[in-house]
Protein backbone atom coordinates (compact mmCIF):
# COMPACT_ATOMS: atom_id res chain seq x y z
CA MET A 1 20.81 105.30 -114.62
CA PRO A 2 21.88 108.03 -112.93
CA ARG A 3 23.40 107.03 -109.28
CA TYR A 4 22.21 109.04 -106.25
CA ASP A 5 24.04 109.31 -102.66
CA PHE A 6 21.50 109.47 -99.49
CA ILE A 7 22.60 109.85 -96.16
CA ASN A 8 20.66 108.37 -93.02
CA LYS A 9 20.27 111.79 -90.60
CA LYS A 10 20.23 109.47 -87.77
CA THR A 11 23.38 107.18 -88.54
CA GLY A 12 25.18 109.24 -90.90
CA GLU A 13 25.96 106.43 -93.11
CA ILE A 14 26.26 107.47 -96.98
CA ILE A 15 24.82 105.07 -99.50
CA GLU A 16 24.66 105.16 -103.44
CA LEU A 17 21.51 103.78 -105.04
CA THR A 18 21.42 103.89 -108.78
CA MET A 19 17.72 103.87 -109.84
CA SER A 20 15.17 106.28 -112.22
CA MET A 21 13.83 109.69 -111.75
CA THR A 22 10.42 107.89 -111.05
CA LYS A 23 11.88 105.83 -108.51
CA LEU A 24 14.18 108.86 -106.49
CA ASP A 25 10.46 110.23 -105.62
CA LYS A 26 8.92 107.51 -104.68
CA TYR A 27 12.04 105.92 -102.86
CA LYS A 28 12.28 110.06 -100.59
CA GLU A 29 9.08 108.97 -99.89
CA ASP A 30 9.20 105.58 -98.62
CA ASN A 31 11.99 106.48 -96.55
CA PRO A 32 11.83 110.17 -94.48
CA ASP A 33 15.41 109.65 -92.93
CA MET A 34 17.26 109.86 -95.69
CA GLU A 35 18.55 112.71 -97.37
CA ARG A 36 19.89 113.30 -100.44
CA TYR A 37 23.83 113.85 -100.09
CA PHE A 38 26.25 116.33 -101.89
CA GLY A 39 28.88 115.56 -100.48
CA ASN A 40 30.61 113.25 -103.11
CA GLN A 41 30.53 115.13 -106.26
CA TYR A 42 32.82 114.97 -109.16
CA THR A 43 34.20 117.90 -110.74
CA ASP A 44 35.96 118.24 -114.47
CA ALA A 45 39.48 118.99 -113.55
CA VAL A 46 41.47 121.84 -116.22
CA TYR A 47 44.99 121.43 -117.07
CA GLY A 48 46.60 124.57 -117.94
CA LYS A 49 45.71 127.14 -119.49
CA PRO A 50 42.85 126.83 -122.21
CA LYS A 51 43.90 127.72 -125.91
CA SER A 52 41.57 130.75 -127.13
CA ASP A 53 40.79 130.21 -131.20
CA ASP A 54 42.24 132.99 -133.33
CA GLY A 55 38.22 133.83 -133.59
CA PHE A 56 37.91 135.29 -129.66
CA LYS A 57 41.02 136.74 -129.90
CA GLU A 58 40.27 138.97 -133.27
CA VAL A 59 36.60 140.32 -130.84
CA MET A 60 38.63 140.09 -128.10
CA SER A 61 41.62 142.91 -129.55
CA LYS A 62 38.41 144.87 -131.07
CA VAL A 63 37.00 145.08 -127.58
CA GLN A 64 40.04 146.34 -125.51
CA SER A 65 40.64 148.75 -128.63
CA ALA A 66 37.03 150.36 -128.29
CA HIS A 67 37.19 150.04 -124.33
CA PRO A 68 40.80 151.02 -123.76
CA LEU A 69 41.04 151.44 -120.08
CA ALA A 70 39.88 147.23 -119.54
CA ASN A 71 42.49 144.74 -118.69
CA LEU A 72 41.74 142.32 -121.34
CA SER A 73 45.06 141.13 -122.02
CA ARG A 74 44.54 137.79 -121.14
CA PHE A 75 42.59 136.77 -123.54
CA THR A 76 44.60 138.49 -126.42
């Protein structure tokens, strides 16, 4: 079940609630002082350089050959 963060417009208090999307709509109607809060979003971190497979490298080298002024060396 999804989790939603809300911030109280009056007090600034942030709460986390778990509910279905249908209950979310009802909650927002019943609690006009609460607003969705998107400050606690987690992002996936990528460590290092992602690897390109050989097929992608081959395609990018063909693109580089067709467009010699493009700097695609980081992809080949």
